[in-house]
Structures are given as structure tokens and as C-alpha cells.
mmCIF file of all heavy atoms, coordinates in Angstrom:
data_MODEL
# 
_entry.id   MODEL 
# 
loop_
_atom_site.group_PDB 
_atom_site.id 
_atom_site.type_symbol 
_atom_site.label_atom_id 
_atom_site.label_alt_id 
_atom_site.label_comp_id 
_atom_site.label_asym_id 
_atom_site.label_entity_id 
_atom_site.label_seq_id 
_atom_site.pdbx_PDB_ins_code 
_atom_site.Cartn_x 
_atom_site.Cartn_y 
_atom_site.Cartn_z 
_atom_site.occupancy 
_atom_site.B_iso_or_equiv 
_atom_site.pdbx_formal_charge 
_atom_site.auth_seq_id 
_atom_site.auth_comp_id 
_atom_site.auth_asym_id 
_atom_site.auth_atom_id 
_atom_site.pdbx_PDB_model_num 
ATOM 1   N N   . ASN A 1 1  ? 0.841  -1.153  0.017   1.00 0.00 ? 1  ASN A N   1 
ATOM 2   C CA  . ASN A 1 1  ? -0.002 0.015   0.010   1.00 0.00 ? 1  ASN A CA  1 
ATOM 3   C C   . ASN A 1 1  ? 0.880  1.176   0.011   1.00 0.00 ? 1  ASN A C   1 
ATOM 4   O O   . ASN A 1 1  ? 1.828  1.306   0.798   1.00 0.00 ? 1  ASN A O   1 
ATOM 5   C CB  . ASN A 1 1  ? -0.884 0.009   1.213   1.00 0.00 ? 1  ASN A CB  1 
ATOM 6   C CG  . ASN A 1 1  ? -1.879 1.148   1.240   1.00 0.00 ? 1  ASN A CG  1 
ATOM 7   O OD1 . ASN A 1 1  ? -1.477 2.283   1.435   1.00 0.00 ? 1  ASN A OD1 1 
ATOM 8   N ND2 . ASN A 1 1  ? -3.118 0.902   0.950   1.00 0.00 ? 1  ASN A ND2 1 
ATOM 9   N N   . LEU A 1 2  ? 0.626  2.208   -0.877  1.00 0.00 ? 2  LEU A N   1 
ATOM 10  C CA  . LEU A 1 2  ? 1.462  3.348   -1.039  1.00 0.00 ? 2  LEU A CA  1 
ATOM 11  C C   . LEU A 1 2  ? 1.182  4.424   -0.101  1.00 0.00 ? 2  LEU A C   1 
ATOM 12  O O   . LEU A 1 2  ? 1.726  5.490   -0.123  1.00 0.00 ? 2  LEU A O   1 
ATOM 13  C CB  . LEU A 1 2  ? 1.354  3.871   -2.433  1.00 0.00 ? 2  LEU A CB  1 
ATOM 14  C CG  . LEU A 1 2  ? 1.861  2.911   -3.583  1.00 0.00 ? 2  LEU A CG  1 
ATOM 15  C CD1 . LEU A 1 2  ? 1.459  3.352   -4.958  1.00 0.00 ? 2  LEU A CD1 1 
ATOM 16  C CD2 . LEU A 1 2  ? 3.298  2.741   -3.443  1.00 0.00 ? 2  LEU A CD2 1 
ATOM 17  N N   . GLY A 1 3  ? 0.138  4.238   0.770   1.00 0.00 ? 3  GLY A N   1 
ATOM 18  C CA  . GLY A 1 3  ? -0.200 5.202   1.795   1.00 0.00 ? 3  GLY A CA  1 
ATOM 19  C C   . GLY A 1 3  ? -1.206 6.235   1.232   1.00 0.00 ? 3  GLY A C   1 
ATOM 20  O O   . GLY A 1 3  ? -1.753 6.048   0.227   1.00 0.00 ? 3  GLY A O   1 
ATOM 21  N N   . ARG A 1 4  ? -1.435 7.320   2.078   1.00 0.00 ? 4  ARG A N   1 
ATOM 22  C CA  . ARG A 1 4  ? -2.539 8.227   1.779   1.00 0.00 ? 4  ARG A CA  1 
ATOM 23  C C   . ARG A 1 4  ? -2.015 9.458   1.058   1.00 0.00 ? 4  ARG A C   1 
ATOM 24  O O   . ARG A 1 4  ? -2.823 10.384  0.910   1.00 0.00 ? 4  ARG A O   1 
ATOM 25  C CB  . ARG A 1 4  ? -3.201 8.577   3.121   1.00 0.00 ? 4  ARG A CB  1 
ATOM 26  C CG  . ARG A 1 4  ? -3.774 7.291   3.794   1.00 0.00 ? 4  ARG A CG  1 
ATOM 27  C CD  . ARG A 1 4  ? -4.675 7.582   4.914   1.00 0.00 ? 4  ARG A CD  1 
ATOM 28  N NE  . ARG A 1 4  ? -5.858 8.273   4.659   1.00 0.00 ? 4  ARG A NE  1 
ATOM 29  C CZ  . ARG A 1 4  ? -6.981 7.819   4.039   1.00 0.00 ? 4  ARG A CZ  1 
ATOM 30  N NH1 . ARG A 1 4  ? -6.935 6.645   3.561   1.00 0.00 ? 4  ARG A NH1 1 
ATOM 31  N NH2 . ARG A 1 4  ? -8.046 8.572   3.879   1.00 0.00 ? 4  ARG A NH2 1 
ATOM 32  N N   . ASN A 1 5  ? -0.833 9.558   0.626   1.00 0.00 ? 5  ASN A N   1 
ATOM 33  C CA  . ASN A 1 5  ? -0.371 10.708  -0.094  1.00 0.00 ? 5  ASN A CA  1 
ATOM 34  C C   . ASN A 1 5  ? -1.008 10.732  -1.490  1.00 0.00 ? 5  ASN A C   1 
ATOM 35  O O   . ASN A 1 5  ? -0.964 9.760   -2.244  1.00 0.00 ? 5  ASN A O   1 
ATOM 36  C CB  . ASN A 1 5  ? 1.143  10.600  -0.306  1.00 0.00 ? 5  ASN A CB  1 
ATOM 37  C CG  . ASN A 1 5  ? 1.708  11.766  -1.048  1.00 0.00 ? 5  ASN A CG  1 
ATOM 38  O OD1 . ASN A 1 5  ? 1.084  12.475  -1.810  1.00 0.00 ? 5  ASN A OD1 1 
ATOM 39  N ND2 . ASN A 1 5  ? 2.959  12.055  -0.808  1.00 0.00 ? 5  ASN A ND2 1 
ATOM 40  N N   . PRO A 1 6  ? -1.775 11.835  -1.822  1.00 0.00 ? 6  PRO A N   1 
ATOM 41  C CA  . PRO A 1 6  ? -2.581 11.833  -3.065  1.00 0.00 ? 6  PRO A CA  1 
ATOM 42  C C   . PRO A 1 6  ? -1.679 11.713  -4.299  1.00 0.00 ? 6  PRO A C   1 
ATOM 43  O O   . PRO A 1 6  ? -2.152 11.229  -5.345  1.00 0.00 ? 6  PRO A O   1 
ATOM 44  C CB  . PRO A 1 6  ? -3.277 13.158  -3.053  1.00 0.00 ? 6  PRO A CB  1 
ATOM 45  C CG  . PRO A 1 6  ? -2.672 13.974  -1.986  1.00 0.00 ? 6  PRO A CG  1 
ATOM 46  C CD  . PRO A 1 6  ? -1.993 13.027  -1.046  1.00 0.00 ? 6  PRO A CD  1 
ATOM 47  N N   . LEU A 1 7  ? -0.386 12.127  -4.216  1.00 0.00 ? 7  LEU A N   1 
ATOM 48  C CA  . LEU A 1 7  ? 0.461  11.991  -5.380  1.00 0.00 ? 7  LEU A CA  1 
ATOM 49  C C   . LEU A 1 7  ? 0.914  10.539  -5.582  1.00 0.00 ? 7  LEU A C   1 
ATOM 50  O O   . LEU A 1 7  ? 1.237  10.179  -6.705  1.00 0.00 ? 7  LEU A O   1 
ATOM 51  C CB  . LEU A 1 7  ? 1.685  12.942  -5.240  1.00 0.00 ? 7  LEU A CB  1 
ATOM 52  C CG  . LEU A 1 7  ? 1.293  14.412  -5.193  1.00 0.00 ? 7  LEU A CG  1 
ATOM 53  C CD1 . LEU A 1 7  ? 2.538  15.242  -5.022  1.00 0.00 ? 7  LEU A CD1 1 
ATOM 54  C CD2 . LEU A 1 7  ? 0.567  14.828  -6.484  1.00 0.00 ? 7  LEU A CD2 1 
ATOM 55  N N   . MET A 1 8  ? 0.880  9.703   -4.536  1.00 0.00 ? 8  MET A N   1 
ATOM 56  C CA  . MET A 1 8  ? 1.344  8.313   -4.703  1.00 0.00 ? 8  MET A CA  1 
ATOM 57  C C   . MET A 1 8  ? 0.287  7.514   -5.439  1.00 0.00 ? 8  MET A C   1 
ATOM 58  O O   . MET A 1 8  ? 0.607  6.476   -6.059  1.00 0.00 ? 8  MET A O   1 
ATOM 59  C CB  . MET A 1 8  ? 1.583  7.684   -3.336  1.00 0.00 ? 8  MET A CB  1 
ATOM 60  C CG  . MET A 1 8  ? 2.776  8.294   -2.572  1.00 0.00 ? 8  MET A CG  1 
ATOM 61  S SD  . MET A 1 8  ? 4.280  8.237   -3.591  1.00 0.00 ? 8  MET A SD  1 
ATOM 62  C CE  . MET A 1 8  ? 4.738  6.517   -3.466  1.00 0.00 ? 8  MET A CE  1 
ATOM 63  N N   . GLY A 1 9  ? -0.943 7.928   -5.470  1.00 0.00 ? 9  GLY A N   1 
ATOM 64  C CA  . GLY A 1 9  ? -1.989 7.271   -6.306  1.00 0.00 ? 9  GLY A CA  1 
ATOM 65  C C   . GLY A 1 9  ? -1.554 7.185   -7.770  1.00 0.00 ? 9  GLY A C   1 
ATOM 66  O O   . GLY A 1 9  ? -1.827 6.247   -8.463  1.00 0.00 ? 9  GLY A O   1 
ATOM 67  N N   . TYR A 1 10 ? -0.903 8.248   -8.268  1.00 0.00 ? 10 TYR A N   1 
ATOM 68  C CA  . TYR A 1 10 ? -0.475 8.238   -9.623  1.00 0.00 ? 10 TYR A CA  1 
ATOM 69  C C   . TYR A 1 10 ? 0.680  7.243   -9.845  1.00 0.00 ? 10 TYR A C   1 
ATOM 70  O O   . TYR A 1 10 ? 0.761  6.596   -10.868 1.00 0.00 ? 10 TYR A O   1 
ATOM 71  C CB  . TYR A 1 10 ? 0.007  9.621   -10.087 1.00 0.00 ? 10 TYR A CB  1 
ATOM 72  C CG  . TYR A 1 10 ? -1.164 10.615  -10.130 1.00 0.00 ? 10 TYR A CG  1 
ATOM 73  C CD1 . TYR A 1 10 ? -1.443 11.444  -9.120  1.00 0.00 ? 10 TYR A CD1 1 
ATOM 74  C CD2 . TYR A 1 10 ? -2.014 10.644  -11.275 1.00 0.00 ? 10 TYR A CD2 1 
ATOM 75  C CE1 . TYR A 1 10 ? -2.545 12.316  -9.096  1.00 0.00 ? 10 TYR A CE1 1 
ATOM 76  C CE2 . TYR A 1 10 ? -3.026 11.508  -11.324 1.00 0.00 ? 10 TYR A CE2 1 
ATOM 77  C CZ  . TYR A 1 10 ? -3.381 12.344  -10.266 1.00 0.00 ? 10 TYR A CZ  1 
ATOM 78  O OH  . TYR A 1 10 ? -4.359 13.181  -10.298 1.00 0.00 ? 10 TYR A OH  1 
ATOM 79  N N   . TRP A 1 11 ? 1.561  7.128   -8.855  1.00 0.00 ? 11 TRP A N   1 
ATOM 80  C CA  . TRP A 1 11 ? 2.644  6.108   -8.945  1.00 0.00 ? 11 TRP A CA  1 
ATOM 81  C C   . TRP A 1 11 ? 2.053  4.732   -8.911  1.00 0.00 ? 11 TRP A C   1 
ATOM 82  O O   . TRP A 1 11 ? 2.604  3.736   -9.512  1.00 0.00 ? 11 TRP A O   1 
ATOM 83  C CB  . TRP A 1 11 ? 3.582  6.346   -7.781  1.00 0.00 ? 11 TRP A CB  1 
ATOM 84  C CG  . TRP A 1 11 ? 4.716  5.320   -7.732  1.00 0.00 ? 11 TRP A CG  1 
ATOM 85  C CD1 . TRP A 1 11 ? 4.944  4.385   -6.788  1.00 0.00 ? 11 TRP A CD1 1 
ATOM 86  C CD2 . TRP A 1 11 ? 5.690  5.064   -8.806  1.00 0.00 ? 11 TRP A CD2 1 
ATOM 87  N NE1 . TRP A 1 11 ? 6.003  3.583   -7.136  1.00 0.00 ? 11 TRP A NE1 1 
ATOM 88  C CE2 . TRP A 1 11 ? 6.426  3.976   -8.350  1.00 0.00 ? 11 TRP A CE2 1 
ATOM 89  C CE3 . TRP A 1 11 ? 5.883  5.575   -10.044 1.00 0.00 ? 11 TRP A CE3 1 
ATOM 90  C CZ2 . TRP A 1 11 ? 7.505  3.507   -9.099  1.00 0.00 ? 11 TRP A CZ2 1 
ATOM 91  C CZ3 . TRP A 1 11 ? 6.984  5.055   -10.770 1.00 0.00 ? 11 TRP A CZ3 1 
ATOM 92  C CH2 . TRP A 1 11 ? 7.750  4.081   -10.323 1.00 0.00 ? 11 TRP A CH2 1 
ATOM 93  N N   . GLY A 1 12 ? 0.856  4.528   -8.309  1.00 0.00 ? 12 GLY A N   1 
ATOM 94  C CA  . GLY A 1 12 ? 0.226  3.228   -8.291  1.00 0.00 ? 12 GLY A CA  1 
ATOM 95  C C   . GLY A 1 12 ? -0.074 2.691   -9.667  1.00 0.00 ? 12 GLY A C   1 
ATOM 96  O O   . GLY A 1 12 ? -0.057 1.474   -9.797  1.00 0.00 ? 12 GLY A O   1 
ATOM 97  N N   . PHE A 1 13 ? -0.194 3.543   -10.676 1.00 0.00 ? 13 PHE A N   1 
ATOM 98  C CA  . PHE A 1 13 ? -0.399 3.030   -12.051 1.00 0.00 ? 13 PHE A CA  1 
ATOM 99  C C   . PHE A 1 13 ? 0.782  2.271   -12.525 1.00 0.00 ? 13 PHE A C   1 
ATOM 100 O O   . PHE A 1 13 ? 0.643  1.396   -13.387 1.00 0.00 ? 13 PHE A O   1 
ATOM 101 C CB  . PHE A 1 13 ? -0.698 4.183   -12.993 1.00 0.00 ? 13 PHE A CB  1 
ATOM 102 C CG  . PHE A 1 13 ? -2.094 4.783   -12.875 1.00 0.00 ? 13 PHE A CG  1 
ATOM 103 C CD1 . PHE A 1 13 ? -2.290 6.089   -12.582 1.00 0.00 ? 13 PHE A CD1 1 
ATOM 104 C CD2 . PHE A 1 13 ? -3.220 3.963   -13.126 1.00 0.00 ? 13 PHE A CD2 1 
ATOM 105 C CE1 . PHE A 1 13 ? -3.521 6.651   -12.518 1.00 0.00 ? 13 PHE A CE1 1 
ATOM 106 C CE2 . PHE A 1 13 ? -4.508 4.571   -13.031 1.00 0.00 ? 13 PHE A CE2 1 
ATOM 107 C CZ  . PHE A 1 13 ? -4.650 5.817   -12.781 1.00 0.00 ? 13 PHE A CZ  1 
ATOM 108 N N   . PHE A 1 14 ? 1.934  2.651   -12.051 1.00 0.00 ? 14 PHE A N   1 
ATOM 109 C CA  . PHE A 1 14 ? 3.186  2.043   -12.598 1.00 0.00 ? 14 PHE A CA  1 
ATOM 110 C C   . PHE A 1 14 ? 3.865  1.058   -11.581 1.00 0.00 ? 14 PHE A C   1 
ATOM 111 O O   . PHE A 1 14 ? 4.754  0.366   -11.962 1.00 0.00 ? 14 PHE A O   1 
ATOM 112 C CB  . PHE A 1 14 ? 4.196  3.160   -12.855 1.00 0.00 ? 14 PHE A CB  1 
ATOM 113 C CG  . PHE A 1 14 ? 3.681  4.214   -13.759 1.00 0.00 ? 14 PHE A CG  1 
ATOM 114 C CD1 . PHE A 1 14 ? 3.270  5.434   -13.266 1.00 0.00 ? 14 PHE A CD1 1 
ATOM 115 C CD2 . PHE A 1 14 ? 3.510  4.015   -15.126 1.00 0.00 ? 14 PHE A CD2 1 
ATOM 116 C CE1 . PHE A 1 14 ? 2.697  6.438   -14.034 1.00 0.00 ? 14 PHE A CE1 1 
ATOM 117 C CE2 . PHE A 1 14 ? 2.993  5.003   -15.914 1.00 0.00 ? 14 PHE A CE2 1 
ATOM 118 C CZ  . PHE A 1 14 ? 2.598  6.175   -15.396 1.00 0.00 ? 14 PHE A CZ  1 
ATOM 119 N N   . MET A 1 15 ? 3.359  1.001   -10.379 1.00 0.00 ? 15 MET A N   1 
ATOM 120 C CA  . MET A 1 15 ? 3.966  0.254   -9.316  1.00 0.00 ? 15 MET A CA  1 
ATOM 121 C C   . MET A 1 15 ? 4.086  -1.284  -9.669  1.00 0.00 ? 15 MET A C   1 
ATOM 122 O O   . MET A 1 15 ? 5.089  -1.877  -9.444  1.00 0.00 ? 15 MET A O   1 
ATOM 123 C CB  . MET A 1 15 ? 3.303  0.478   -7.986  1.00 0.00 ? 15 MET A CB  1 
ATOM 124 C CG  . MET A 1 15 ? 3.979  -0.144  -6.831  1.00 0.00 ? 15 MET A CG  1 
ATOM 125 S SD  . MET A 1 15 ? 5.627  0.574   -6.573  1.00 0.00 ? 15 MET A SD  1 
ATOM 126 C CE  . MET A 1 15 ? 6.169  -0.319  -5.176  1.00 0.00 ? 15 MET A CE  1 
ATOM 127 N N   . GLU A 1 16 ? 3.045  -1.854  -10.172 1.00 0.00 ? 16 GLU A N   1 
ATOM 128 C CA  . GLU A 1 16 ? 3.083  -3.289  -10.410 1.00 0.00 ? 16 GLU A CA  1 
ATOM 129 C C   . GLU A 1 16 ? 4.184  -3.640  -11.435 1.00 0.00 ? 16 GLU A C   1 
ATOM 130 O O   . GLU A 1 16 ? 4.971  -4.544  -11.183 1.00 0.00 ? 16 GLU A O   1 
ATOM 131 C CB  . GLU A 1 16 ? 1.684  -3.788  -10.945 1.00 0.00 ? 16 GLU A CB  1 
ATOM 132 C CG  . GLU A 1 16 ? 1.675  -5.301  -11.144 1.00 0.00 ? 16 GLU A CG  1 
ATOM 133 C CD  . GLU A 1 16 ? 0.288  -5.789  -11.521 1.00 0.00 ? 16 GLU A CD  1 
ATOM 134 O OE1 . GLU A 1 16 ? -0.706 -5.287  -11.091 1.00 0.00 ? 16 GLU A OE1 1 
ATOM 135 O OE2 . GLU A 1 16 ? 0.234  -6.819  -12.291 1.00 0.00 ? 16 GLU A OE2 1 
ATOM 136 N N   . ASP A 1 17 ? 4.183  -2.934  -12.548 1.00 0.00 ? 17 ASP A N   1 
ATOM 137 C CA  . ASP A 1 17 ? 5.240  -3.149  -13.562 1.00 0.00 ? 17 ASP A CA  1 
ATOM 138 C C   . ASP A 1 17 ? 6.621  -2.851  -12.995 1.00 0.00 ? 17 ASP A C   1 
ATOM 139 O O   . ASP A 1 17 ? 7.565  -3.665  -13.191 1.00 0.00 ? 17 ASP A O   1 
ATOM 140 C CB  . ASP A 1 17 ? 4.988  -2.403  -14.815 1.00 0.00 ? 17 ASP A CB  1 
ATOM 141 C CG  . ASP A 1 17 ? 3.728  -2.830  -15.582 1.00 0.00 ? 17 ASP A CG  1 
ATOM 142 O OD1 . ASP A 1 17 ? 3.337  -4.025  -15.363 1.00 0.00 ? 17 ASP A OD1 1 
ATOM 143 O OD2 . ASP A 1 17 ? 3.233  -2.080  -16.388 1.00 0.00 ? 17 ASP A OD2 1 
ATOM 144 N N   . ALA A 1 18 ? 6.782  -1.784  -12.311 1.00 0.00 ? 18 ALA A N   1 
ATOM 145 C CA  . ALA A 1 18 ? 8.090  -1.409  -11.805 1.00 0.00 ? 18 ALA A CA  1 
ATOM 146 C C   . ALA A 1 18 ? 8.545  -2.415  -10.764 1.00 0.00 ? 18 ALA A C   1 
ATOM 147 O O   . ALA A 1 18 ? 9.721  -2.832  -10.760 1.00 0.00 ? 18 ALA A O   1 
ATOM 148 C CB  . ALA A 1 18 ? 8.065  0.035   -11.204 1.00 0.00 ? 18 ALA A CB  1 
ATOM 149 N N   . GLN A 1 19 ? 7.692  -2.801  -9.863  1.00 0.00 ? 19 GLN A N   1 
ATOM 150 C CA  . GLN A 1 19 ? 8.094  -3.763  -8.790  1.00 0.00 ? 19 GLN A CA  1 
ATOM 151 C C   . GLN A 1 19 ? 8.306  -5.152  -9.359  1.00 0.00 ? 19 GLN A C   1 
ATOM 152 O O   . GLN A 1 19 ? 9.237  -5.870  -8.945  1.00 0.00 ? 19 GLN A O   1 
ATOM 153 C CB  . GLN A 1 19 ? 7.130  -3.801  -7.623  1.00 0.00 ? 19 GLN A CB  1 
ATOM 154 C CG  . GLN A 1 19 ? 7.559  -4.438  -6.413  1.00 0.00 ? 19 GLN A CG  1 
ATOM 155 C CD  . GLN A 1 19 ? 8.851  -3.798  -5.814  1.00 0.00 ? 19 GLN A CD  1 
ATOM 156 O OE1 . GLN A 1 19 ? 9.240  -2.665  -6.198  1.00 0.00 ? 19 GLN A OE1 1 
ATOM 157 N NE2 . GLN A 1 19 ? 9.576  -4.548  -4.963  1.00 0.00 ? 19 GLN A NE2 1 
ATOM 158 N N   . THR A 1 20 ? 7.541  -5.556  -10.340 1.00 0.00 ? 20 THR A N   1 
ATOM 159 C CA  . THR A 1 20 ? 7.736  -6.890  -10.964 1.00 0.00 ? 20 THR A CA  1 
ATOM 160 C C   . THR A 1 20 ? 9.148  -6.914  -11.613 1.00 0.00 ? 20 THR A C   1 
ATOM 161 O O   . THR A 1 20 ? 9.881  -7.854  -11.415 1.00 0.00 ? 20 THR A O   1 
ATOM 162 C CB  . THR A 1 20 ? 6.685  -7.170  -11.969 1.00 0.00 ? 20 THR A CB  1 
ATOM 163 O OG1 . THR A 1 20 ? 5.388  -7.294  -11.299 1.00 0.00 ? 20 THR A OG1 1 
ATOM 164 C CG2 . THR A 1 20 ? 6.925  -8.449  -12.754 1.00 0.00 ? 20 THR A CG2 1 
ATOM 165 N N   . ALA A 1 21 ? 9.534  -5.833  -12.245 1.00 0.00 ? 21 ALA A N   1 
ATOM 166 C CA  . ALA A 1 21 ? 10.862 -5.760  -12.846 1.00 0.00 ? 21 ALA A CA  1 
ATOM 167 C C   . ALA A 1 21 ? 11.929 -5.820  -11.822 1.00 0.00 ? 21 ALA A C   1 
ATOM 168 O O   . ALA A 1 21 ? 12.947 -6.513  -11.963 1.00 0.00 ? 21 ALA A O   1 
ATOM 169 C CB  . ALA A 1 21 ? 10.955 -4.480  -13.704 1.00 0.00 ? 21 ALA A CB  1 
ATOM 170 N N   . GLU A 1 22 ? 11.728 -5.140  -10.713 1.00 0.00 ? 22 GLU A N   1 
ATOM 171 C CA  . GLU A 1 22 ? 12.707 -5.177  -9.604  1.00 0.00 ? 22 GLU A CA  1 
ATOM 172 C C   . GLU A 1 22 ? 12.847 -6.573  -8.966  1.00 0.00 ? 22 GLU A C   1 
ATOM 173 O O   . GLU A 1 22 ? 13.900 -7.000  -8.676  1.00 0.00 ? 22 GLU A O   1 
ATOM 174 C CB  . GLU A 1 22 ? 12.360 -4.138  -8.519  1.00 0.00 ? 22 GLU A CB  1 
ATOM 175 C CG  . GLU A 1 22 ? 13.398 -4.110  -7.419  1.00 0.00 ? 22 GLU A CG  1 
ATOM 176 C CD  . GLU A 1 22 ? 14.777 -3.772  -7.886  1.00 0.00 ? 22 GLU A CD  1 
ATOM 177 O OE1 . GLU A 1 22 ? 15.016 -2.934  -8.797  1.00 0.00 ? 22 GLU A OE1 1 
ATOM 178 O OE2 . GLU A 1 22 ? 15.737 -4.334  -7.269  1.00 0.00 ? 22 GLU A OE2 1 
ATOM 179 N N   . LEU A 1 23 ? 11.690 -7.247  -8.813  1.00 0.00 ? 23 LEU A N   1 
ATOM 180 C CA  . LEU A 1 23 ? 11.731 -8.644  -8.269  1.00 0.00 ? 23 LEU A CA  1 
ATOM 181 C C   . LEU A 1 23 ? 12.559 -9.534  -9.249  1.00 0.00 ? 23 LEU A C   1 
ATOM 182 O O   . LEU A 1 23 ? 13.350 -10.362 -8.805  1.00 0.00 ? 23 LEU A O   1 
ATOM 183 C CB  . LEU A 1 23 ? 10.306 -9.181  -8.092  1.00 0.00 ? 23 LEU A CB  1 
ATOM 184 C CG  . LEU A 1 23 ? 9.422  -8.498  -7.052  1.00 0.00 ? 23 LEU A CG  1 
ATOM 185 C CD1 . LEU A 1 23 ? 8.088  -9.160  -6.983  1.00 0.00 ? 23 LEU A CD1 1 
ATOM 186 C CD2 . LEU A 1 23 ? 10.055 -8.362  -5.709  1.00 0.00 ? 23 LEU A CD2 1 
ATOM 187 N N   . GLU A 1 24 ? 12.269 -9.355  -10.524 1.00 0.00 ? 24 GLU A N   1 
ATOM 188 C CA  . GLU A 1 24 ? 13.022 -10.211 -11.523 1.00 0.00 ? 24 GLU A CA  1 
ATOM 189 C C   . GLU A 1 24 ? 14.526 -9.958  -11.493 1.00 0.00 ? 24 GLU A C   1 
ATOM 190 O O   . GLU A 1 24 ? 15.275 -10.882 -11.527 1.00 0.00 ? 24 GLU A O   1 
ATOM 191 C CB  . GLU A 1 24 ? 12.426 -9.967  -12.920 1.00 0.00 ? 24 GLU A CB  1 
ATOM 192 C CG  . GLU A 1 24 ? 11.064 -10.531 -13.070 1.00 0.00 ? 24 GLU A CG  1 
ATOM 193 C CD  . GLU A 1 24 ? 10.347 -10.125 -14.354 1.00 0.00 ? 24 GLU A CD  1 
ATOM 194 O OE1 . GLU A 1 24 ? 10.824 -9.219  -15.097 1.00 0.00 ? 24 GLU A OE1 1 
ATOM 195 O OE2 . GLU A 1 24 ? 9.245  -10.740 -14.663 1.00 0.00 ? 24 GLU A OE2 1 
ATOM 196 N N   . ARG A 1 25 ? 14.935 -8.647  -11.402 1.00 0.00 ? 25 ARG A N   1 
ATOM 197 C CA  . ARG A 1 25 ? 16.333 -8.327  -11.282 1.00 0.00 ? 25 ARG A CA  1 
ATOM 198 C C   . ARG A 1 25 ? 16.929 -8.929  -10.015 1.00 0.00 ? 25 ARG A C   1 
ATOM 199 O O   . ARG A 1 25 ? 18.060 -9.472  -10.044 1.00 0.00 ? 25 ARG A O   1 
ATOM 200 C CB  . ARG A 1 25 ? 16.533 -6.784  -11.311 1.00 0.00 ? 25 ARG A CB  1 
ATOM 201 C CG  . ARG A 1 25 ? 16.512 -6.174  -12.679 1.00 0.00 ? 25 ARG A CG  1 
ATOM 202 C CD  . ARG A 1 25 ? 16.983 -4.729  -12.594 1.00 0.00 ? 25 ARG A CD  1 
ATOM 203 N NE  . ARG A 1 25 ? 16.107 -3.818  -11.828 1.00 0.00 ? 25 ARG A NE  1 
ATOM 204 C CZ  . ARG A 1 25 ? 14.997 -3.258  -12.275 1.00 0.00 ? 25 ARG A CZ  1 
ATOM 205 N NH1 . ARG A 1 25 ? 14.670 -3.487  -13.517 1.00 0.00 ? 25 ARG A NH1 1 
ATOM 206 N NH2 . ARG A 1 25 ? 14.273 -2.518  -11.509 1.00 0.00 ? 25 ARG A NH2 1 
ATOM 207 N N   . SER A 1 26 ? 16.247 -8.813  -8.914  1.00 0.00 ? 26 SER A N   1 
ATOM 208 C CA  . SER A 1 26 ? 16.725 -9.361  -7.621  1.00 0.00 ? 26 SER A CA  1 
ATOM 209 C C   . SER A 1 26 ? 16.836 -10.884 -7.665  1.00 0.00 ? 26 SER A C   1 
ATOM 210 O O   . SER A 1 26 ? 17.827 -11.418 -7.160  1.00 0.00 ? 26 SER A O   1 
ATOM 211 C CB  . SER A 1 26 ? 15.807 -8.938  -6.510  1.00 0.00 ? 26 SER A CB  1 
ATOM 212 O OG  . SER A 1 26 ? 15.921 -7.519  -6.279  1.00 0.00 ? 26 SER A OG  1 
ATOM 213 N N   . LEU A 1 27 ? 15.889 -11.532 -8.341  1.00 0.00 ? 27 LEU A N   1 
ATOM 214 C CA  . LEU A 1 27 ? 15.983 -12.974 -8.444  1.00 0.00 ? 27 LEU A CA  1 
ATOM 215 C C   . LEU A 1 27 ? 17.208 -13.398 -9.311  1.00 0.00 ? 27 LEU A C   1 
ATOM 216 O O   . LEU A 1 27 ? 17.853 -14.382 -9.024  1.00 0.00 ? 27 LEU A O   1 
ATOM 217 C CB  . LEU A 1 27 ? 14.703 -13.615 -9.074  1.00 0.00 ? 27 LEU A CB  1 
ATOM 218 C CG  . LEU A 1 27 ? 13.531 -13.650 -8.087  1.00 0.00 ? 27 LEU A CG  1 
ATOM 219 C CD1 . LEU A 1 27 ? 12.307 -14.164 -8.797  1.00 0.00 ? 27 LEU A CD1 1 
ATOM 220 C CD2 . LEU A 1 27 ? 13.851 -14.513 -6.851  1.00 0.00 ? 27 LEU A CD2 1 
ATOM 221 N N   . GLY A 1 28 ? 17.553 -12.571 -10.331 1.00 0.00 ? 28 GLY A N   1 
ATOM 222 C CA  . GLY A 1 28 ? 18.763 -12.838 -11.122 1.00 0.00 ? 28 GLY A CA  1 
ATOM 223 C C   . GLY A 1 28 ? 20.016 -12.697 -10.181 1.00 0.00 ? 28 GLY A C   1 
ATOM 224 O O   . GLY A 1 28 ? 20.915 -13.513 -10.343 1.00 0.00 ? 28 GLY A O   1 
ATOM 225 N N   . ARG A 1 29 ? 20.013 -11.661 -9.312  1.00 0.00 ? 29 ARG A N   1 
ATOM 226 C CA  . ARG A 1 29 ? 21.139 -11.517 -8.390  1.00 0.00 ? 29 ARG A CA  1 
ATOM 227 C C   . ARG A 1 29 ? 21.164 -12.583 -7.345  1.00 0.00 ? 29 ARG A C   1 
ATOM 228 O O   . ARG A 1 29 ? 22.301 -13.081 -6.939  1.00 0.00 ? 29 ARG A O   1 
ATOM 229 C CB  . ARG A 1 29 ? 21.034 -10.165 -7.731  1.00 0.00 ? 29 ARG A CB  1 
ATOM 230 C CG  . ARG A 1 29 ? 21.370 -8.980  -8.735  1.00 0.00 ? 29 ARG A CG  1 
ATOM 231 C CD  . ARG A 1 29 ? 21.525 -7.610  -8.019  1.00 0.00 ? 29 ARG A CD  1 
ATOM 232 N NE  . ARG A 1 29 ? 20.389 -7.240  -7.297  1.00 0.00 ? 29 ARG A NE  1 
ATOM 233 C CZ  . ARG A 1 29 ? 19.409 -6.376  -7.755  1.00 0.00 ? 29 ARG A CZ  1 
ATOM 234 N NH1 . ARG A 1 29 ? 19.503 -5.866  -8.917  1.00 0.00 ? 29 ARG A NH1 1 
ATOM 235 N NH2 . ARG A 1 29 ? 18.442 -6.014  -6.949  1.00 0.00 ? 29 ARG A NH2 1 
ATOM 236 N N   . LEU A 1 30 ? 20.009 -13.138 -6.937  1.00 0.00 ? 30 LEU A N   1 
ATOM 237 C CA  . LEU A 1 30 ? 19.965 -14.274 -6.042  1.00 0.00 ? 30 LEU A CA  1 
ATOM 238 C C   . LEU A 1 30 ? 20.596 -15.517 -6.703  1.00 0.00 ? 30 LEU A C   1 
ATOM 239 O O   . LEU A 1 30 ? 21.408 -16.176 -6.120  1.00 0.00 ? 30 LEU A O   1 
ATOM 240 C CB  . LEU A 1 30 ? 18.513 -14.554 -5.629  1.00 0.00 ? 30 LEU A CB  1 
ATOM 241 C CG  . LEU A 1 30 ? 18.305 -15.832 -4.788  1.00 0.00 ? 30 LEU A CG  1 
ATOM 242 C CD1 . LEU A 1 30 ? 19.007 -15.688 -3.421  1.00 0.00 ? 30 LEU A CD1 1 
ATOM 243 C CD2 . LEU A 1 30 ? 16.833 -16.113 -4.640  1.00 0.00 ? 30 LEU A CD2 1 
# 
């Protein structure tokens, strides 16, 4: 949850793709 900051709601549109990419990079480093 990105919290109650109204500007974070806009980041929410990109969070799933951005975090999925970060998880994939981290699994490569693992």
C-alpha cells in the first residue's frame, strides 16, 4: 500500500510493472 499521499496514487499506475521488474532483477542477483 502506497499510503494516503494523493500523489502516490499516480505512482500506483506504474507500481506493479516497476516492482515486478525489480523482483526479476533481484531473483537474477539471487
